[in-house]
Amino acid sequence: MSPRRGNPNWGRPMPLAPAIATEFEVTVKRLRLMPDMYKSSQELKRWCEFNRNRVYVPEWLLAEWGIKVEISYGQDAV
């Protein structure tokens, strides 16, 4: 009998990729903060100010602290 050829998974849906935590979620976990503690954490605020243009930070938290994000950060001027 000859070996089967082709993709045995043809026509089957692709398996879902595992969910990965964001940098913000990793930082919150490292600081051992609960959602109601986010606004009062000075260390989280410093981290958000430093990383606001680089990684995801919840918009509601940026608005709460009055932190502005530079939309064109890291892009060349045209």
Protein backbone atom coordinates (compact mmCIF):
# COMPACT_ATOMS: atom_id res chain seq x y z
CA MET A 1 0.00 0.00 0.00
CA SER A 2 1.39 3.44 -0.93
CA PRO A 3 1.71 6.20 1.69
CA ARG A 4 -1.06 8.79 1.82
CA ARG A 5 -0.26 12.14 0.30
CA GLY A 6 -1.52 15.62 1.03
CA ASN A 7 -2.57 17.44 4.13
CA PRO A 8 -4.63 15.21 6.45
CA ASN A 9 -6.14 18.32 8.09
CA TRP A 10 -7.50 19.77 4.85
CA GLY A 11 -10.95 21.27 5.38
CA ARG A 12 -10.80 21.14 9.16
CA PRO A 13 -10.90 24.38 11.15
CA MET A 14 -7.62 25.59 12.63
CA PRO A 15 -7.29 25.15 16.40
CA LEU A 16 -7.59 28.35 18.43
CA ALA A 17 -4.37 30.00 19.52
CA PRO A 18 -3.86 30.31 23.28
CA ALA A 19 -4.64 33.72 24.78
CA ILE A 20 -1.52 35.62 25.79
CA ALA A 21 -1.48 38.17 28.61
CA THR A 22 -0.65 41.77 27.67
CA GLU A 23 2.32 43.60 29.22
CA PHE A 24 -0.18 45.59 31.27
CA GLU A 25 -1.74 42.42 32.66
CA VAL A 26 1.69 40.96 33.46
CA THR A 27 2.68 44.17 35.27
CA VAL A 28 -0.57 44.28 37.25
CA LYS A 29 -0.06 40.67 38.30
CA ARG A 30 3.55 41.37 39.30
CA LEU A 31 2.40 44.32 41.42
CA ARG A 32 -0.41 42.15 42.89
CA LEU A 33 -3.10 44.73 42.14
CA MET A 34 -6.83 44.26 41.89
CA PRO A 35 -8.81 46.38 39.38
CA ASP A 36 -10.09 48.69 42.13
CA MET A 37 -6.47 49.38 43.16
CA TYR A 38 -5.22 50.49 39.71
CA LYS A 39 -6.00 54.22 40.14
CA SER A 40 -4.27 54.53 43.51
CA SER A 41 -1.04 52.70 42.57
CA GLN A 42 1.83 55.14 42.03
CA GLU A 43 4.12 52.40 40.70
CA LEU A 44 1.54 51.40 38.07
CA LYS A 45 1.09 55.06 37.13
CA ARG A 46 4.84 55.49 36.60
CA TRP A 47 4.91 52.30 34.51
CA CYS A 48 1.97 53.53 32.39
CA GLU A 49 3.58 56.95 31.86
CA PHE A 50 6.80 55.32 30.69
CA ASN A 51 5.14 52.69 28.46
CA ARG A 52 2.04 54.54 27.22
CA ASN A 53 3.32 54.75 23.63
CA ARG A 54 4.82 51.27 23.53
CA VAL A 55 2.29 48.80 24.97
CA TYR A 56 -1.45 48.55 25.63
CA VAL A 57 -2.70 50.52 28.62
CA PRO A 58 -6.48 50.73 29.20
CA GLU A 59 -7.84 54.01 27.86
CA TRP A 60 -10.02 54.61 30.90
CA LEU A 61 -6.96 54.46 33.14
CA LEU A 62 -5.00 56.89 30.95
CA ALA A 63 -7.99 59.27 31.02
CA GLU A 64 -8.25 58.95 34.81
CA TRP A 65 -4.64 60.02 35.23
CA GLY A 66 -4.70 62.58 32.39
CA ILE A 67 -1.94 60.81 30.45
CA LYS A 68 -1.82 61.65 26.74
CA VAL A 69 -0.68 59.14 24.12
CA GLU A 70 1.35 60.30 21.12
CA ILE A 71 -0.43 58.85 18.10
CA SER A 72 2.52 59.19 15.72
CA TYR A 73 5.10 57.97 18.25
CA GLY A 74 7.93 56.05 16.55
CA GLN A 75 6.79 56.91 13.01
CA ASP A 76 8.85 58.97 10.59
CA ALA A 77 7.45 62.35 9.65
CA VAL A 78 6.14 62.42 6.10
